Amino acid sequence: MKHAIPDWVTRGKTIKQLIEELKSFEDQDMEVRLSLDDGDTHACISLVTNDDKSFCILKNSEAYHQNEWQDFMDDDEKR
């Protein structure tokens, strides 16, 4: 790369740092959304988990409920 990626882009935040940053928003009832493409697309945060206990994961579960959940529910109805 011609220009190095700044450390703040890749180092991430701790839960404590994220909470402090979120506290700075005047409207504390504002929805939090997640984007992986600089905001061009975004999704709601459905779940917050710590699957492997080393980091917190923000998840969106819409695709699961549009696909696997529907199949699971259909299979359950057949039983």
N, C-alpha and C. Protein backbone atom coordinates (compact mmCIF):
# COMPACT_ATOMS: atom_id res chain seq x y z
N MET A 1 0.82 -1.18 0.00
CA MET A 1 0.00 0.00 0.00
C MET A 1 0.88 1.25 0.00
N LYS A 2 0.44 2.23 -0.71
CA LYS A 2 1.18 3.48 -0.78
C LYS A 2 1.15 4.22 0.56
N HIS A 3 -0.01 4.19 1.23
CA HIS A 3 -0.18 4.87 2.52
C HIS A 3 -0.63 3.84 3.55
N ALA A 4 0.02 3.85 4.67
CA ALA A 4 -0.32 2.88 5.73
C ALA A 4 -1.72 3.15 6.29
N ILE A 5 -2.39 2.07 6.66
CA ILE A 5 -3.70 2.20 7.31
C ILE A 5 -3.46 2.67 8.74
N PRO A 6 -4.14 3.72 9.19
CA PRO A 6 -3.94 4.21 10.56
C PRO A 6 -4.30 3.13 11.59
N ASP A 7 -3.59 3.13 12.70
CA ASP A 7 -3.83 2.14 13.76
C ASP A 7 -5.28 2.16 14.25
N TRP A 8 -5.90 3.35 14.35
CA TRP A 8 -7.25 3.43 14.90
C TRP A 8 -8.26 2.67 14.05
N VAL A 9 -7.93 2.43 12.78
CA VAL A 9 -8.84 1.72 11.89
C VAL A 9 -8.90 0.23 12.23
N THR A 10 -7.76 -0.35 12.60
CA THR A 10 -7.69 -1.80 12.76
C THR A 10 -7.56 -2.28 14.20
N ARG A 11 -7.29 -1.40 15.15
CA ARG A 11 -7.05 -1.88 16.52
C ARG A 11 -8.32 -2.25 17.26
N GLY A 12 -9.46 -1.74 16.83
CA GLY A 12 -10.71 -2.07 17.48
C GLY A 12 -10.90 -1.32 18.79
N LYS A 13 -11.99 -1.62 19.46
CA LYS A 13 -12.34 -0.96 20.71
C LYS A 13 -12.71 -2.01 21.74
N THR A 14 -12.48 -1.67 22.98
CA THR A 14 -12.97 -2.53 24.07
C THR A 14 -14.44 -2.19 24.31
N ILE A 15 -15.12 -3.04 25.05
CA ILE A 15 -16.50 -2.75 25.42
C ILE A 15 -16.57 -1.42 26.15
N LYS A 16 -15.65 -1.20 27.08
CA LYS A 16 -15.63 0.04 27.85
C LYS A 16 -15.46 1.26 26.94
N GLN A 17 -14.55 1.18 25.96
CA GLN A 17 -14.34 2.29 25.03
C GLN A 17 -15.58 2.53 24.17
N LEU A 18 -16.21 1.46 23.72
CA LEU A 18 -17.41 1.59 22.90
C LEU A 18 -18.54 2.24 23.69
N ILE A 19 -18.73 1.82 24.93
CA ILE A 19 -19.77 2.40 25.77
C ILE A 19 -19.52 3.89 25.97
N GLU A 20 -18.28 4.27 26.26
CA GLU A 20 -17.96 5.69 26.45
C GLU A 20 -18.27 6.48 25.19
N GLU A 21 -17.92 5.95 24.03
CA GLU A 21 -18.20 6.66 22.78
C GLU A 21 -19.70 6.77 22.55
N LEU A 22 -20.44 5.71 22.81
CA LEU A 22 -21.90 5.75 22.63
C LEU A 22 -22.56 6.72 23.60
N LYS A 23 -22.00 6.90 24.79
CA LYS A 23 -22.54 7.84 25.77
C LYS A 23 -22.46 9.28 25.27
N SER A 24 -21.57 9.54 24.32
CA SER A 24 -21.41 10.91 23.82
C SER A 24 -22.55 11.34 22.91
N PHE A 25 -23.39 10.42 22.48
CA PHE A 25 -24.52 10.77 21.63
C PHE A 25 -25.64 11.36 22.47
N GLU A 26 -26.15 12.49 22.04
CA GLU A 26 -27.20 13.17 22.79
C GLU A 26 -28.46 12.30 22.86
N ASP A 27 -28.86 11.71 21.74
CA ASP A 27 -30.07 10.89 21.69
C ASP A 27 -29.71 9.44 22.04
N GLN A 28 -29.89 9.07 23.29
CA GLN A 28 -29.55 7.73 23.75
C GLN A 28 -30.57 6.68 23.32
N ASP A 29 -31.66 7.09 22.68
CA ASP A 29 -32.66 6.16 22.16
C ASP A 29 -32.45 5.88 20.67
N MET A 30 -31.41 6.46 20.09
CA MET A 30 -31.11 6.26 18.68
C MET A 30 -30.71 4.80 18.43
N GLU A 31 -31.18 4.24 17.33
CA GLU A 31 -30.83 2.87 16.97
C GLU A 31 -29.35 2.79 16.57
N VAL A 32 -28.70 1.72 16.97
CA VAL A 32 -27.32 1.44 16.57
C VAL A 32 -27.36 0.44 15.42
N ARG A 33 -26.61 0.72 14.35
CA ARG A 33 -26.57 -0.16 13.19
C ARG A 33 -25.12 -0.53 12.91
N LEU A 34 -24.93 -1.60 12.14
CA LEU A 34 -23.61 -2.12 11.84
C LEU A 34 -23.38 -2.09 10.34
N SER A 35 -22.22 -1.60 9.92
CA SER A 35 -21.86 -1.56 8.51
C SER A 35 -20.44 -2.08 8.32
N LEU A 36 -20.23 -2.81 7.24
CA LEU A 36 -18.90 -3.28 6.89
C LEU A 36 -18.37 -2.61 5.63
N ASP A 37 -19.13 -1.63 5.11
CA ASP A 37 -18.72 -0.97 3.86
C ASP A 37 -18.85 0.55 3.95
N ASP A 38 -18.42 1.10 5.07
CA ASP A 38 -18.38 2.55 5.29
C ASP A 38 -19.77 3.18 5.23
N GLY A 39 -20.79 2.41 5.60
CA GLY A 39 -22.13 2.96 5.71
C GLY A 39 -22.98 2.85 4.46
N ASP A 40 -22.42 2.33 3.36
CA ASP A 40 -23.23 2.18 2.14
C ASP A 40 -24.41 1.25 2.40
N THR A 41 -24.17 0.18 3.12
CA THR A 41 -25.25 -0.70 3.58
C THR A 41 -25.06 -0.89 5.08
N HIS A 42 -26.14 -1.18 5.76
CA HIS A 42 -26.06 -1.37 7.21
C HIS A 42 -27.21 -2.25 7.66
N ALA A 43 -27.06 -2.81 8.84
CA ALA A 43 -28.07 -3.70 9.39
C ALA A 43 -28.18 -3.45 10.89
N CYS A 44 -29.33 -3.81 11.44
CA CYS A 44 -29.52 -3.65 12.88
C CYS A 44 -28.67 -4.67 13.63
N ILE A 45 -28.42 -4.40 14.89
CA ILE A 45 -27.72 -5.36 15.74
C ILE A 45 -28.79 -6.16 16.46
N SER A 46 -28.87 -7.45 16.16
CA SER A 46 -29.88 -8.32 16.74
C SER A 46 -29.41 -8.92 18.05
N LEU A 47 -28.14 -9.29 18.12
CA LEU A 47 -27.60 -9.97 19.29
C LEU A 47 -26.21 -9.44 19.62
N VAL A 48 -25.86 -9.51 20.88
CA VAL A 48 -24.50 -9.23 21.33
C VAL A 48 -24.06 -10.48 22.09
N THR A 49 -22.98 -11.11 21.62
CA THR A 49 -22.55 -12.37 22.23
C THR A 49 -21.05 -12.36 22.49
N ASN A 50 -20.59 -13.34 23.21
CA ASN A 50 -19.15 -13.57 23.40
C ASN A 50 -18.91 -15.07 23.22
N ASP A 51 -19.04 -15.53 21.98
CA ASP A 51 -19.00 -16.94 21.65
C ASP A 51 -17.76 -17.68 22.14
N ASP A 52 -16.60 -17.04 22.01
CA ASP A 52 -15.38 -17.75 22.44
C ASP A 52 -14.73 -17.10 23.65
N LYS A 53 -15.41 -16.17 24.28
CA LYS A 53 -14.97 -15.52 25.53
C LYS A 53 -13.78 -14.60 25.37
N SER A 54 -13.22 -14.43 24.15
CA SER A 54 -12.08 -13.52 24.00
C SER A 54 -12.48 -12.19 23.39
N PHE A 55 -13.68 -12.11 22.80
CA PHE A 55 -14.16 -10.83 22.28
C PHE A 55 -15.67 -10.84 22.17
N CYS A 56 -16.24 -9.66 22.13
CA CYS A 56 -17.68 -9.45 22.01
C CYS A 56 -18.03 -9.42 20.51
N ILE A 57 -19.13 -10.05 20.13
CA ILE A 57 -19.54 -10.08 18.73
C ILE A 57 -20.91 -9.42 18.60
N LEU A 58 -21.01 -8.44 17.71
CA LEU A 58 -22.29 -7.82 17.38
C LEU A 58 -22.82 -8.57 16.17
N LYS A 59 -24.04 -9.09 16.28
CA LYS A 59 -24.59 -9.93 15.21
C LYS A 59 -25.89 -9.37 14.66
N ASN A 60 -26.10 -9.61 13.38
CA ASN A 60 -27.39 -9.35 12.75
C ASN A 60 -27.95 -10.71 12.37
N SER A 61 -29.18 -10.99 12.79
CA SER A 61 -29.77 -12.31 12.59
C SER A 61 -30.86 -12.35 11.52
N GLU A 62 -30.98 -11.29 10.73
CA GLU A 62 -32.06 -11.25 9.74
C GLU A 62 -31.96 -12.38 8.73
N ALA A 63 -30.76 -12.64 8.17
CA ALA A 63 -30.61 -13.69 7.16
C ALA A 63 -30.97 -15.05 7.74
N TYR A 64 -30.55 -15.31 8.97
CA TYR A 64 -30.89 -16.58 9.61
C TYR A 64 -32.40 -16.74 9.71
N HIS A 65 -33.09 -15.70 10.15
CA HIS A 65 -34.54 -15.82 10.33
C HIS A 65 -35.30 -15.80 9.01
N GLN A 66 -34.67 -15.30 7.94
CA GLN A 66 -35.30 -15.35 6.62
C GLN A 66 -35.08 -16.70 5.95
N ASN A 67 -34.08 -17.46 6.40
CA ASN A 67 -33.73 -18.71 5.74
C ASN A 67 -33.80 -19.92 6.67
N GLU A 68 -32.74 -20.16 7.45
CA GLU A 68 -32.68 -21.35 8.30
C GLU A 68 -33.84 -21.43 9.28
N TRP A 69 -34.23 -20.31 9.88
CA TRP A 69 -35.33 -20.30 10.85
C TRP A 69 -36.63 -20.74 10.19
N GLN A 70 -36.87 -20.28 8.97
CA GLN A 70 -38.09 -20.65 8.25
C GLN A 70 -38.12 -22.17 8.00
N ASP A 71 -36.98 -22.72 7.57
CA ASP A 71 -36.90 -24.16 7.34
C ASP A 71 -37.11 -24.93 8.64
N PHE A 72 -36.49 -24.44 9.71
CA PHE A 72 -36.64 -25.09 11.02
C PHE A 72 -38.10 -25.10 11.45
N MET A 73 -38.77 -23.98 11.29
CA MET A 73 -40.18 -23.88 11.69
C MET A 73 -41.06 -24.77 10.80
N ASP A 74 -40.76 -24.84 9.50
CA ASP A 74 -41.52 -25.72 8.61
C ASP A 74 -41.34 -27.18 9.01
N ASP A 75 -40.09 -27.57 9.32
CA ASP A 75 -39.82 -28.94 9.75
C ASP A 75 -40.54 -29.25 11.06
N ASP A 76 -40.59 -28.29 11.97
CA ASP A 76 -41.24 -28.47 13.26
C ASP A 76 -42.73 -28.69 13.09
N GLU A 77 -43.35 -27.98 12.13
CA GLU A 77 -44.78 -28.14 11.86
C GLU A 77 -45.10 -29.51 11.29
N LYS A 78 -44.14 -30.14 10.60
CA LYS A 78 -44.36 -31.45 10.00
C LYS A 78 -44.32 -32.56 11.05
N ARG A 79 -43.73 -32.31 12.20
CA ARG A 79 -43.59 -33.33 13.23
C ARG A 79 -44.85 -33.52 13.99
